[in-house]
Amino acid sequence: MKTTGKILATGAAVAILGAIGAYAFAQQGPGFGPGMRGIGHGMMMGMTHGTATMDERRDIHSLLFDHDRIKRSVTNLPDGIRTVTESDDPEIAETIRKHVAEMGQRVEEGRDPDLPIQSPALHSIFRYKDKIKSTYEVTDKGIVVVQTSTDARAVQALQDHAADVTDLVQRGMVAAHETMMENRGGMMGHGMRGGMMGHGMRGGMANRQHGH
């Protein structure tokens, strides 16, 4: 996958996916009551599956809690997407950049994290990574990502994932919990049909459709 643009402060390669972010693993945002704490605990337990590092899991977890402090816009292009993901909080903005860089590095290396809240669209992006061109622009409050492809399947995966990420930004832990439950149902069905109960996640974080 070709990448161009400014290098993030984290030093990692900037690549695919619009991102959501936050700055503290245990921070509680507005409206984070007992019910949400229960969902959050369950989500963190579920996040132990897959290949993501503990640091990556913490970033995603806290992102979801602080989703209402993140601003995101998505423009669907004929051949891809343009996303702007930012926060007025400097620490959250830095976490957004860090998350994008880490996920971009994973895509470049083909290391799908296979997380319980992951959508099918994100899996597809890993599958079509060599067909996707990404450019990045670091802003004072976050990052702008433009991703394009000449492959119709890759374009659909990019747009689906962008929609899934937007849903996570808008609804936080509630959206993530719904996706995890959907994936569990799919995995159980797959296992009963004849295989292993192991993979599956909603491919594209957004349209609830995957999202970056």
N, C-alpha and C. Protein backbone atom coordinates (compact mmCIF):
# COMPACT_ATOMS: atom_id res chain seq x y z
N MET A 1 0.84 -1.19 0.00
CA MET A 1 0.00 0.00 0.00
C MET A 1 0.87 1.23 0.00
N LYS A 2 0.62 2.16 -0.88
CA LYS A 2 1.42 3.37 -0.98
C LYS A 2 0.93 4.40 0.02
N THR A 3 1.86 5.07 0.69
CA THR A 3 1.47 6.09 1.64
C THR A 3 2.31 7.33 1.43
N THR A 4 1.68 8.49 1.60
CA THR A 4 2.42 9.74 1.52
C THR A 4 1.86 10.66 2.58
N GLY A 5 2.58 11.74 2.86
CA GLY A 5 2.08 12.70 3.81
C GLY A 5 3.04 12.92 4.96
N LYS A 6 2.62 13.65 5.96
CA LYS A 6 3.47 13.98 7.09
C LYS A 6 3.59 12.78 8.02
N ILE A 7 4.74 12.68 8.69
CA ILE A 7 4.93 11.61 9.66
C ILE A 7 4.37 12.06 11.00
N LEU A 8 3.67 11.18 11.68
CA LEU A 8 3.10 11.51 12.97
C LEU A 8 4.18 11.62 14.03
N ALA A 9 3.84 12.32 15.11
CA ALA A 9 4.80 12.51 16.20
C ALA A 9 5.19 11.20 16.85
N THR A 10 4.33 10.19 16.71
CA THR A 10 4.63 8.90 17.33
C THR A 10 5.79 8.21 16.64
N GLY A 11 6.11 8.59 15.41
CA GLY A 11 7.20 7.99 14.68
C GLY A 11 6.77 6.78 13.87
N ALA A 12 5.52 6.37 13.99
CA ALA A 12 5.03 5.22 13.23
C ALA A 12 4.62 5.67 11.84
N ALA A 13 4.53 4.72 10.92
CA ALA A 13 4.10 5.06 9.56
C ALA A 13 2.63 5.41 9.59
N VAL A 14 2.26 6.47 8.90
CA VAL A 14 0.87 6.87 8.85
C VAL A 14 0.21 6.13 7.71
N ALA A 15 -0.89 5.41 7.99
CA ALA A 15 -1.52 4.69 6.90
C ALA A 15 -3.00 4.69 7.06
N ILE A 16 -3.63 3.59 6.84
CA ILE A 16 -5.06 3.51 6.62
C ILE A 16 -5.93 3.82 7.83
N LEU A 17 -7.12 4.07 7.58
CA LEU A 17 -8.19 4.16 8.54
C LEU A 17 -8.37 5.48 9.27
N GLY A 18 -9.55 5.99 9.22
CA GLY A 18 -9.92 7.09 10.08
C GLY A 18 -9.97 6.50 11.47
N ALA A 19 -9.77 7.29 12.51
CA ALA A 19 -9.67 6.70 13.83
C ALA A 19 -10.47 7.47 14.85
N ILE A 20 -10.71 6.83 15.96
CA ILE A 20 -11.31 7.50 17.08
C ILE A 20 -10.34 7.42 18.23
N GLY A 21 -10.35 8.35 19.16
CA GLY A 21 -9.34 8.32 20.18
C GLY A 21 -9.74 8.94 21.46
N ALA A 22 -8.91 8.70 22.47
CA ALA A 22 -9.07 9.30 23.76
C ALA A 22 -7.80 9.17 24.53
N TYR A 23 -7.72 9.76 25.73
CA TYR A 23 -6.41 9.85 26.34
C TYR A 23 -6.21 9.08 27.62
N ALA A 24 -7.22 8.48 28.22
CA ALA A 24 -6.97 7.74 29.44
C ALA A 24 -7.81 6.51 29.48
N PHE A 25 -7.20 5.41 29.80
CA PHE A 25 -7.89 4.12 29.76
C PHE A 25 -9.12 4.10 30.64
N ALA A 26 -9.04 4.67 31.84
CA ALA A 26 -10.16 4.57 32.78
C ALA A 26 -10.98 5.85 32.85
N GLN A 27 -10.74 6.81 32.00
CA GLN A 27 -11.46 8.08 32.08
C GLN A 27 -12.93 7.88 31.80
N GLN A 28 -13.77 8.60 32.54
CA GLN A 28 -15.21 8.49 32.36
C GLN A 28 -15.74 9.76 31.75
N GLY A 29 -16.33 9.65 30.58
CA GLY A 29 -16.89 10.81 29.92
C GLY A 29 -18.31 11.07 30.39
N PRO A 30 -18.94 12.14 29.93
CA PRO A 30 -20.31 12.47 30.31
C PRO A 30 -21.25 11.33 30.01
N GLY A 31 -22.14 11.07 30.96
CA GLY A 31 -23.14 10.04 30.72
C GLY A 31 -22.62 8.63 30.96
N PHE A 32 -21.43 8.52 31.55
CA PHE A 32 -20.84 7.20 31.75
C PHE A 32 -21.27 6.69 33.12
N GLY A 33 -22.48 6.17 33.19
CA GLY A 33 -23.04 5.71 34.44
C GLY A 33 -22.75 4.25 34.70
N PRO A 34 -23.37 3.67 35.76
CA PRO A 34 -23.13 2.27 36.13
C PRO A 34 -23.38 1.31 35.00
N GLY A 35 -24.44 1.54 34.22
CA GLY A 35 -24.74 0.63 33.12
C GLY A 35 -23.63 0.61 32.09
N MET A 36 -23.13 1.79 31.74
CA MET A 36 -22.05 1.86 30.77
C MET A 36 -20.77 1.27 31.33
N ARG A 37 -20.55 1.40 32.64
CA ARG A 37 -19.35 0.81 33.22
C ARG A 37 -19.39 -0.69 33.06
N GLY A 38 -20.60 -1.26 33.19
CA GLY A 38 -20.72 -2.71 33.03
C GLY A 38 -20.40 -3.12 31.61
N ILE A 39 -20.91 -2.36 30.65
CA ILE A 39 -20.63 -2.66 29.25
C ILE A 39 -19.14 -2.49 28.98
N GLY A 40 -18.56 -1.42 29.54
CA GLY A 40 -17.14 -1.17 29.33
C GLY A 40 -16.28 -2.29 29.86
N HIS A 41 -16.62 -2.81 31.03
CA HIS A 41 -15.84 -3.90 31.60
C HIS A 41 -15.94 -5.14 30.72
N GLY A 42 -17.15 -5.42 30.26
CA GLY A 42 -17.34 -6.57 29.38
C GLY A 42 -16.59 -6.42 28.08
N MET A 43 -16.59 -5.18 27.55
CA MET A 43 -15.89 -4.92 26.31
C MET A 43 -14.40 -5.15 26.47
N MET A 44 -13.84 -4.67 27.60
CA MET A 44 -12.41 -4.81 27.79
C MET A 44 -12.04 -6.28 27.93
N MET A 45 -12.89 -7.05 28.58
CA MET A 45 -12.63 -8.47 28.71
C MET A 45 -12.64 -9.12 27.32
N GLY A 46 -13.61 -8.71 26.49
CA GLY A 46 -13.70 -9.27 25.15
C GLY A 46 -12.54 -8.87 24.27
N MET A 47 -11.93 -7.71 24.55
CA MET A 47 -10.84 -7.21 23.73
C MET A 47 -9.56 -8.00 23.93
N THR A 48 -9.55 -8.96 24.86
CA THR A 48 -8.34 -9.76 25.07
C THR A 48 -8.12 -10.72 23.91
N HIS A 49 -9.12 -10.93 23.08
CA HIS A 49 -8.96 -11.79 21.92
C HIS A 49 -8.27 -11.01 20.80
N GLY A 50 -7.67 -11.72 19.86
CA GLY A 50 -7.00 -11.06 18.75
C GLY A 50 -5.53 -10.80 19.05
N THR A 51 -4.89 -10.04 18.15
CA THR A 51 -3.45 -9.82 18.27
C THR A 51 -3.07 -8.40 18.67
N ALA A 52 -4.04 -7.56 18.98
CA ALA A 52 -3.73 -6.19 19.38
C ALA A 52 -2.95 -6.19 20.69
N THR A 53 -2.04 -5.24 20.83
CA THR A 53 -1.27 -5.11 22.06
C THR A 53 -2.15 -4.49 23.15
N MET A 54 -1.71 -4.59 24.40
CA MET A 54 -2.47 -4.00 25.49
C MET A 54 -2.58 -2.49 25.31
N ASP A 55 -1.53 -1.87 24.82
CA ASP A 55 -1.55 -0.43 24.59
C ASP A 55 -2.59 -0.06 23.53
N GLU A 56 -2.65 -0.86 22.47
CA GLU A 56 -3.64 -0.60 21.41
C GLU A 56 -5.06 -0.78 21.95
N ARG A 57 -5.26 -1.81 22.77
CA ARG A 57 -6.59 -2.04 23.34
C ARG A 57 -7.00 -0.89 24.25
N ARG A 58 -6.04 -0.40 25.05
CA ARG A 58 -6.35 0.71 25.95
C ARG A 58 -6.76 1.94 25.17
N ASP A 59 -6.05 2.22 24.07
CA ASP A 59 -6.39 3.39 23.26
C ASP A 59 -7.81 3.27 22.70
N ILE A 60 -8.13 2.10 22.16
CA ILE A 60 -9.46 1.90 21.58
C ILE A 60 -10.53 2.01 22.66
N HIS A 61 -10.26 1.40 23.80
CA HIS A 61 -11.22 1.40 24.91
C HIS A 61 -11.51 2.82 25.37
N SER A 62 -10.46 3.60 25.58
CA SER A 62 -10.66 4.97 26.07
C SER A 62 -11.27 5.86 25.00
N LEU A 63 -10.96 5.56 23.74
CA LEU A 63 -11.55 6.29 22.62
C LEU A 63 -13.05 6.20 22.68
N LEU A 64 -13.51 4.99 22.91
CA LEU A 64 -14.95 4.75 22.93
C LEU A 64 -15.62 5.53 24.07
N PHE A 65 -14.95 5.63 25.20
CA PHE A 65 -15.52 6.37 26.32
C PHE A 65 -15.58 7.87 26.04
N ASP A 66 -14.60 8.37 25.32
CA ASP A 66 -14.53 9.80 25.04
C ASP A 66 -15.03 10.14 23.65
N HIS A 67 -15.86 9.27 23.10
CA HIS A 67 -16.31 9.46 21.71
C HIS A 67 -16.99 10.81 21.49
N ASP A 68 -17.66 11.34 22.53
CA ASP A 68 -18.39 12.59 22.35
C ASP A 68 -17.46 13.81 22.34
N ARG A 69 -16.17 13.58 22.47
CA ARG A 69 -15.20 14.67 22.40
C ARG A 69 -14.42 14.62 21.09
N ILE A 70 -14.92 13.81 20.18
CA ILE A 70 -14.27 13.64 18.88
C ILE A 70 -15.20 14.14 17.77
N LYS A 71 -14.65 14.85 16.81
CA LYS A 71 -15.41 15.34 15.67
C LYS A 71 -14.92 14.59 14.43
N ARG A 72 -15.85 14.14 13.62
CA ARG A 72 -15.46 13.35 12.45
C ARG A 72 -16.39 13.65 11.27
N SER A 73 -15.80 13.78 10.11
CA SER A 73 -16.59 13.93 8.89
C SER A 73 -16.03 12.98 7.84
N VAL A 74 -16.93 12.46 7.01
CA VAL A 74 -16.54 11.51 5.97
C VAL A 74 -17.14 11.95 4.64
N THR A 75 -16.32 11.98 3.61
CA THR A 75 -16.79 12.25 2.26
C THR A 75 -16.51 11.02 1.40
N ASN A 76 -17.56 10.43 0.85
CA ASN A 76 -17.38 9.31 -0.05
C ASN A 76 -17.01 9.83 -1.44
N LEU A 77 -15.87 9.39 -1.94
CA LEU A 77 -15.40 9.78 -3.27
C LEU A 77 -15.75 8.68 -4.27
N PRO A 78 -15.72 8.98 -5.55
CA PRO A 78 -16.02 7.94 -6.56
C PRO A 78 -15.09 6.73 -6.43
N ASP A 79 -13.86 7.00 -5.96
CA ASP A 79 -12.89 5.91 -5.85
C ASP A 79 -12.37 5.70 -4.43
N GLY A 80 -13.13 6.18 -3.42
CA GLY A 80 -12.67 5.97 -2.05
C GLY A 80 -13.33 6.88 -1.04
N ILE A 81 -12.50 7.41 -0.12
CA ILE A 81 -13.03 8.23 0.98
C ILE A 81 -12.06 9.34 1.36
N ARG A 82 -12.60 10.36 2.01
CA ARG A 82 -11.80 11.39 2.68
C ARG A 82 -12.40 11.56 4.06
N THR A 83 -11.58 11.36 5.09
CA THR A 83 -12.08 11.48 6.46
C THR A 83 -11.28 12.54 7.21
N VAL A 84 -11.97 13.25 8.08
CA VAL A 84 -11.32 14.22 8.97
C VAL A 84 -11.73 13.84 10.38
N THR A 85 -10.76 13.48 11.22
CA THR A 85 -11.04 13.05 12.58
C THR A 85 -10.22 13.90 13.54
N GLU A 86 -10.89 14.65 14.40
CA GLU A 86 -10.20 15.62 15.25
C GLU A 86 -10.86 15.73 16.63
N SER A 87 -10.12 16.37 17.54
CA SER A 87 -10.64 16.67 18.87
C SER A 87 -10.04 17.98 19.34
N ASP A 88 -10.82 18.75 20.10
CA ASP A 88 -10.30 19.99 20.66
C ASP A 88 -9.35 19.72 21.82
N ASP A 89 -9.37 18.51 22.35
CA ASP A 89 -8.48 18.12 23.44
C ASP A 89 -7.15 17.65 22.84
N PRO A 90 -6.03 18.31 23.16
CA PRO A 90 -4.74 17.96 22.57
C PRO A 90 -4.33 16.50 22.79
N GLU A 91 -4.64 15.96 23.96
CA GLU A 91 -4.26 14.58 24.24
C GLU A 91 -5.08 13.59 23.42
N ILE A 92 -6.35 13.89 23.28
CA ILE A 92 -7.19 13.02 22.44
C ILE A 92 -6.74 13.12 20.99
N ALA A 93 -6.42 14.33 20.55
CA ALA A 93 -5.95 14.52 19.18
C ALA A 93 -4.69 13.69 18.93
N GLU A 94 -3.79 13.67 19.89
CA GLU A 94 -2.57 12.88 19.73
C GLU A 94 -2.87 11.38 19.70
N THR A 95 -3.85 10.95 20.50
CA THR A 95 -4.22 9.54 20.50
C THR A 95 -4.84 9.15 19.17
N ILE A 96 -5.61 10.05 18.58
CA ILE A 96 -6.18 9.79 17.25
C ILE A 96 -5.04 9.54 16.26
N ARG A 97 -4.04 10.42 16.26
CA ARG A 97 -2.91 10.26 15.34
C ARG A 97 -2.17 8.95 15.62
N LYS A 98 -1.98 8.65 16.87
CA LYS A 98 -1.26 7.44 17.26
C LYS A 98 -2.02 6.20 16.79
N HIS A 99 -3.32 6.20 16.97
CA HIS A 99 -4.13 5.06 16.57
C HIS A 99 -4.08 4.86 15.05
N VAL A 100 -4.17 5.96 14.31
CA VAL A 100 -4.10 5.88 12.85
C VAL A 100 -2.75 5.32 12.43
N ALA A 101 -1.69 5.79 13.07
CA ALA A 101 -0.35 5.32 12.71
C ALA A 101 -0.19 3.83 13.00
N GLU A 102 -0.66 3.40 14.16
CA GLU A 102 -0.51 1.99 14.53
C GLU A 102 -1.34 1.08 13.62
N MET A 103 -2.56 1.51 13.34
CA MET A 103 -3.39 0.69 12.45
C MET A 103 -2.82 0.69 11.03
N GLY A 104 -2.28 1.83 10.62
CA GLY A 104 -1.68 1.89 9.31
C GLY A 104 -0.49 0.94 9.18
N GLN A 105 0.30 0.89 10.24
CA GLN A 105 1.44 -0.02 10.25
C GLN A 105 0.97 -1.47 10.15
N ARG A 106 -0.10 -1.77 10.86
CA ARG A 106 -0.65 -3.13 10.81
C ARG A 106 -1.13 -3.49 9.40
N VAL A 107 -1.81 -2.55 8.76
CA VAL A 107 -2.31 -2.81 7.41
C VAL A 107 -1.13 -3.05 6.47
N GLU A 108 -0.13 -2.21 6.55
CA GLU A 108 1.04 -2.36 5.67
C GLU A 108 1.69 -3.73 5.84
N GLU A 109 1.70 -4.22 7.08
CA GLU A 109 2.35 -5.49 7.38
C GLU A 109 1.39 -6.67 7.29
N GLY A 110 0.11 -6.38 7.04
CA GLY A 110 -0.87 -7.45 6.93
C GLY A 110 -1.18 -8.12 8.26
N ARG A 111 -1.09 -7.38 9.36
CA ARG A 111 -1.33 -7.95 10.70
C ARG A 111 -2.72 -7.54 11.19
N ASP A 112 -3.72 -8.25 10.76
CA ASP A 112 -5.10 -7.99 11.16
C ASP A 112 -5.24 -8.24 12.66
N PRO A 113 -5.68 -7.24 13.45
CA PRO A 113 -5.82 -7.44 14.91
C PRO A 113 -6.94 -8.39 15.30
N ASP A 114 -7.92 -8.57 14.40
CA ASP A 114 -9.00 -9.52 14.61
C ASP A 114 -9.68 -9.32 15.97
N LEU A 115 -10.07 -8.09 16.26
CA LEU A 115 -10.72 -7.76 17.53
C LEU A 115 -12.21 -8.06 17.50
N PRO A 116 -12.80 -8.30 18.66
CA PRO A 116 -14.23 -8.62 18.74
C PRO A 116 -15.15 -7.51 18.23
N ILE A 117 -14.67 -6.26 18.21
CA ILE A 117 -15.53 -5.17 17.74
C ILE A 117 -15.19 -4.79 16.31
N GLN A 118 -14.44 -5.63 15.64
CA GLN A 118 -14.00 -5.34 14.28
C GLN A 118 -15.06 -5.80 13.27
N SER A 119 -15.27 -4.97 12.26
CA SER A 119 -16.28 -5.31 11.26
C SER A 119 -15.66 -6.02 10.07
N PRO A 120 -16.49 -6.64 9.25
CA PRO A 120 -16.02 -7.34 8.05
C PRO A 120 -15.28 -6.40 7.10
N ALA A 121 -15.69 -5.13 7.08
CA ALA A 121 -15.05 -4.19 6.15
C ALA A 121 -13.57 -4.02 6.47
N LEU A 122 -13.24 -4.00 7.75
CA LEU A 122 -11.84 -3.85 8.13
C LEU A 122 -11.04 -5.08 7.70
N HIS A 123 -11.63 -6.26 7.87
CA HIS A 123 -10.96 -7.47 7.38
C HIS A 123 -10.70 -7.35 5.87
N SER A 124 -11.67 -6.79 5.16
CA SER A 124 -11.53 -6.65 3.72
C SER A 124 -10.41 -5.68 3.36
N ILE A 125 -10.24 -4.63 4.15
CA ILE A 125 -9.18 -3.67 3.90
C ILE A 125 -7.82 -4.36 4.01
N PHE A 126 -7.68 -5.23 4.99
CA PHE A 126 -6.43 -5.98 5.09
C PHE A 126 -6.24 -6.87 3.86
N ARG A 127 -7.35 -7.43 3.38
CA ARG A 127 -7.28 -8.32 2.23
C ARG A 127 -6.86 -7.56 0.96
N TYR A 128 -7.35 -6.33 0.82
CA TYR A 128 -7.09 -5.55 -0.39
C TYR A 128 -6.01 -4.48 -0.18
N LYS A 129 -5.20 -4.61 0.84
CA LYS A 129 -4.26 -3.57 1.22
C LYS A 129 -3.34 -3.12 0.07
N ASP A 130 -2.97 -4.04 -0.79
CA ASP A 130 -2.07 -3.69 -1.89
C ASP A 130 -2.77 -2.94 -3.02
N LYS A 131 -4.09 -2.82 -2.93
CA LYS A 131 -4.86 -2.13 -3.96
C LYS A 131 -5.30 -0.74 -3.50
N ILE A 132 -4.89 -0.35 -2.30
CA ILE A 132 -5.34 0.91 -1.70
C ILE A 132 -4.20 1.91 -1.62
N LYS A 133 -4.47 3.14 -2.03
CA LYS A 133 -3.50 4.23 -1.90
C LYS A 133 -4.01 5.20 -0.83
N SER A 134 -3.14 5.53 0.12
CA SER A 134 -3.54 6.40 1.22
C SER A 134 -2.63 7.61 1.33
N THR A 135 -3.21 8.77 1.59
CA THR A 135 -2.44 9.98 1.87
C THR A 135 -2.93 10.57 3.17
N TYR A 136 -2.04 11.23 3.91
CA TYR A 136 -2.37 11.72 5.24
C TYR A 136 -1.89 13.14 5.45
N GLU A 137 -2.66 13.87 6.19
CA GLU A 137 -2.28 15.23 6.56
C GLU A 137 -2.56 15.41 8.04
N VAL A 138 -1.50 15.61 8.81
CA VAL A 138 -1.65 15.84 10.24
C VAL A 138 -2.12 17.27 10.46
N THR A 139 -3.15 17.44 11.26
CA THR A 139 -3.66 18.77 11.59
C THR A 139 -3.38 19.07 13.06
N ASP A 140 -3.66 20.29 13.48
CA ASP A 140 -3.44 20.66 14.88
C ASP A 140 -4.33 19.84 15.81
N LYS A 141 -5.47 19.39 15.29
CA LYS A 141 -6.43 18.70 16.15
C LYS A 141 -6.63 17.23 15.81
N GLY A 142 -5.89 16.71 14.86
CA GLY A 142 -6.08 15.31 14.51
C GLY A 142 -5.43 14.95 13.19
N ILE A 143 -6.21 14.40 12.27
CA ILE A 143 -5.63 13.94 11.01
C ILE A 143 -6.69 13.86 9.91
N VAL A 144 -6.24 14.11 8.68
CA VAL A 144 -7.07 13.96 7.49
C VAL A 144 -6.52 12.78 6.71
N VAL A 145 -7.39 11.86 6.33
CA VAL A 145 -6.97 10.67 5.58
C VAL A 145 -7.76 10.59 4.29
N VAL A 146 -7.05 10.39 3.18
CA VAL A 146 -7.69 10.16 1.88
C VAL A 146 -7.23 8.80 1.39
N GLN A 147 -8.19 7.93 1.09
CA GLN A 147 -7.87 6.58 0.63
C GLN A 147 -8.65 6.29 -0.65
N THR A 148 -7.92 5.81 -1.64
CA THR A 148 -8.55 5.52 -2.92
C THR A 148 -8.08 4.18 -3.47
N SER A 149 -8.84 3.67 -4.43
CA SER A 149 -8.49 2.41 -5.06
C SER A 149 -9.17 2.32 -6.43
N THR A 150 -8.58 1.56 -7.32
CA THR A 150 -9.20 1.30 -8.62
C THR A 150 -10.01 0.01 -8.58
N ASP A 151 -9.98 -0.66 -7.42
CA ASP A 151 -10.72 -1.91 -7.24
C ASP A 151 -12.05 -1.62 -6.54
N ALA A 152 -13.16 -1.96 -7.17
CA ALA A 152 -14.48 -1.64 -6.64
C ALA A 152 -14.71 -2.28 -5.27
N ARG A 153 -14.17 -3.46 -5.05
CA ARG A 153 -14.35 -4.13 -3.75
C ARG A 153 -13.60 -3.40 -2.65
N ALA A 154 -12.43 -2.91 -2.97
CA ALA A 154 -11.65 -2.16 -1.99
C ALA A 154 -12.33 -0.83 -1.66
N VAL A 155 -12.88 -0.18 -2.69
CA VAL A 155 -13.60 1.09 -2.47
C VAL A 155 -14.79 0.87 -1.55
N GLN A 156 -15.52 -0.20 -1.77
CA GLN A 156 -16.68 -0.50 -0.92
C GLN A 156 -16.24 -0.76 0.51
N ALA A 157 -15.15 -1.49 0.68
CA ALA A 157 -14.65 -1.78 2.02
C ALA A 157 -14.23 -0.50 2.73
N LEU A 158 -13.57 0.41 2.02
CA LEU A 158 -13.16 1.68 2.60
C LEU A 158 -14.37 2.49 3.06
N GLN A 159 -15.38 2.56 2.21
CA GLN A 159 -16.56 3.35 2.55
C GLN A 159 -17.37 2.71 3.68
N ASP A 160 -17.45 1.39 3.67
CA ASP A 160 -18.16 0.70 4.75
C ASP A 160 -17.45 0.90 6.08
N HIS A 161 -16.13 0.76 6.06
CA HIS A 161 -15.37 0.92 7.29
C HIS A 161 -15.47 2.34 7.82
N ALA A 162 -15.40 3.31 6.92
CA ALA A 162 -15.51 4.71 7.33
C ALA A 162 -16.84 4.96 8.03
N ALA A 163 -17.89 4.34 7.52
CA ALA A 163 -19.21 4.49 8.13
C ALA A 163 -19.26 3.82 9.51
N ASP A 164 -18.62 2.68 9.64
CA ASP A 164 -18.59 1.98 10.93
C ASP A 164 -17.86 2.80 11.97
N VAL A 165 -16.73 3.40 11.58
CA VAL A 165 -15.97 4.22 12.52
C VAL A 165 -16.79 5.43 12.96
N THR A 166 -17.50 6.02 12.01
CA THR A 166 -18.35 7.16 12.34
C THR A 166 -19.42 6.76 13.35
N ASP A 167 -19.98 5.59 13.19
CA ASP A 167 -20.98 5.10 14.14
C ASP A 167 -20.37 4.95 15.53
N LEU A 168 -19.14 4.46 15.60
CA LEU A 168 -18.46 4.32 16.89
C LEU A 168 -18.19 5.68 17.51
N VAL A 169 -17.83 6.65 16.69
CA VAL A 169 -17.60 8.00 17.19
C VAL A 169 -18.90 8.60 17.72
N GLN A 170 -19.98 8.32 17.05
CA GLN A 170 -21.27 8.89 17.46
C GLN A 170 -21.86 8.21 18.69
N ARG A 171 -21.72 6.88 18.77
CA ARG A 171 -22.41 6.15 19.84
C ARG A 171 -21.50 5.44 20.83
N GLY A 172 -20.20 5.47 20.59
CA GLY A 172 -19.25 4.94 21.55
C GLY A 172 -19.44 3.48 21.92
N MET A 173 -19.43 3.22 23.24
CA MET A 173 -19.47 1.85 23.75
C MET A 173 -20.74 1.11 23.33
N VAL A 174 -21.83 1.83 23.17
CA VAL A 174 -23.08 1.18 22.77
C VAL A 174 -22.92 0.53 21.40
N ALA A 175 -22.36 1.28 20.45
CA ALA A 175 -22.14 0.74 19.10
C ALA A 175 -21.15 -0.41 19.12
N ALA A 176 -20.08 -0.26 19.92
CA ALA A 176 -19.07 -1.32 20.00
C ALA A 176 -19.66 -2.60 20.59
N HIS A 177 -20.49 -2.44 21.61
CA HIS A 177 -21.12 -3.61 22.24
C HIS A 177 -22.04 -4.32 21.25
N GLU A 178 -22.79 -3.56 20.49
CA GLU A 178 -23.68 -4.16 19.49
C GLU A 178 -22.89 -4.97 18.47
N THR A 179 -21.77 -4.40 18.02
CA THR A 179 -20.95 -5.10 17.03
C THR A 179 -20.37 -6.38 17.61
N MET A 180 -19.91 -6.31 18.86
CA MET A 180 -19.34 -7.49 19.49
C MET A 180 -20.38 -8.60 19.61
N MET A 181 -21.61 -8.22 19.95
CA MET A 181 -22.67 -9.22 20.05
C MET A 181 -22.99 -9.82 18.68
N GLU A 182 -23.01 -8.97 17.66
CA GLU A 182 -23.27 -9.46 16.30
C GLU A 182 -22.18 -10.44 15.87
N ASN A 183 -20.94 -10.10 16.18
CA ASN A 183 -19.83 -10.96 15.80
C ASN A 183 -19.86 -12.28 16.54
N ARG A 184 -20.25 -12.24 17.79
CA ARG A 184 -20.35 -13.48 18.55
C ARG A 184 -21.38 -14.41 17.94
N GLY A 185 -22.50 -13.83 17.54
CA GLY A 185 -23.54 -14.64 16.91
C GLY A 185 -23.05 -15.25 15.62
N GLY A 186 -22.31 -14.45 14.83
CA GLY A 186 -21.79 -14.95 13.57
C GLY A 186 -20.77 -16.04 13.77
N MET A 187 -19.94 -15.87 14.80
CA MET A 187 -18.91 -16.87 15.06
C MET A 187 -19.53 -18.18 15.51
N MET A 188 -20.58 -18.07 16.34
CA MET A 188 -21.23 -19.29 16.81
C MET A 188 -21.86 -20.02 15.64
N GLY A 189 -22.50 -19.24 14.75
CA GLY A 189 -23.13 -19.86 13.59
C GLY A 189 -22.10 -20.53 12.70
N HIS A 190 -20.96 -19.85 12.53
CA HIS A 190 -19.92 -20.39 11.68
C HIS A 190 -19.39 -21.69 12.27
N GLY A 191 -19.23 -21.70 13.60
CA GLY A 191 -18.71 -22.90 14.25
C GLY A 191 -19.67 -24.06 14.10
N MET A 192 -20.96 -23.81 14.20
CA MET A 192 -21.95 -24.88 14.08
C MET A 192 -22.01 -25.39 12.65
N ARG A 193 -21.71 -24.48 11.68
CA ARG A 193 -21.78 -24.93 10.30
C ARG A 193 -20.61 -25.81 9.94
N GLY A 194 -19.58 -25.80 10.69
CA GLY A 194 -18.53 -26.72 10.35
C GLY A 194 -17.16 -26.23 10.52
N GLY A 195 -16.90 -25.35 11.34
CA GLY A 195 -15.53 -25.00 11.40
C GLY A 195 -15.10 -24.60 12.75
N MET A 196 -14.21 -23.65 12.77
CA MET A 196 -13.69 -23.20 14.02
C MET A 196 -14.49 -21.97 14.44
N MET A 197 -14.63 -21.82 15.76
CA MET A 197 -15.28 -20.63 16.27
C MET A 197 -14.16 -19.64 16.55
N GLY A 198 -13.79 -18.87 15.61
CA GLY A 198 -12.70 -18.00 15.88
C GLY A 198 -12.66 -16.70 15.18
N HIS A 199 -13.04 -16.58 13.96
CA HIS A 199 -12.88 -15.31 13.27
C HIS A 199 -14.23 -14.67 13.06
N GLY A 200 -14.24 -13.46 12.71
CA GLY A 200 -15.48 -12.86 12.35
C GLY A 200 -15.60 -11.54 12.96
N MET A 201 -16.08 -10.56 12.77
CA MET A 201 -16.19 -9.27 13.31
C MET A 201 -16.84 -8.53 12.24
N ARG A 202 -17.43 -7.61 12.52
CA ARG A 202 -18.13 -6.86 11.56
C ARG A 202 -17.20 -6.21 10.60
N GLY A 203 -16.97 -6.50 9.53
CA GLY A 203 -16.00 -5.95 8.64
C GLY A 203 -15.86 -4.54 8.46
N GLY A 204 -16.60 -3.62 8.63
CA GLY A 204 -16.27 -2.27 8.36
C GLY A 204 -16.84 -1.37 9.33
N MET A 205 -16.27 -1.00 10.34
CA MET A 205 -16.79 -0.19 11.38
C MET A 205 -17.67 0.94 10.94
N ALA A 206 -18.64 0.95 10.36
CA ALA A 206 -19.41 2.14 10.13
C ALA A 206 -20.68 1.81 9.53
N ASN A 207 -21.19 2.15 8.56
CA ASN A 207 -22.45 1.81 8.05
C ASN A 207 -22.97 0.67 8.81
N ARG A 208 -22.30 0.42 9.82
CA ARG A 208 -22.58 -0.77 10.54
C ARG A 208 -22.75 -1.63 9.40
N GLN A 209 -22.13 -1.16 8.75
CA GLN A 209 -22.10 -1.83 7.50
C GLN A 209 -21.25 -2.93 7.37
N HIS A 210 -16.44 -0.83 8.69
CA HIS A 210 -15.76 -0.87 8.97
C HIS A 210 -15.53 -0.63 9.01
N GLY A 211 -12.80 2.95 9.66
CA GLY A 211 -13.68 3.12 9.27
C GLY A 211 -13.51 3.35 9.43
N HIS A 212 -11.91 4.99 9.85
CA HIS A 212 -10.80 4.85 9.98
C HIS A 212 -11.35 5.44 9.65
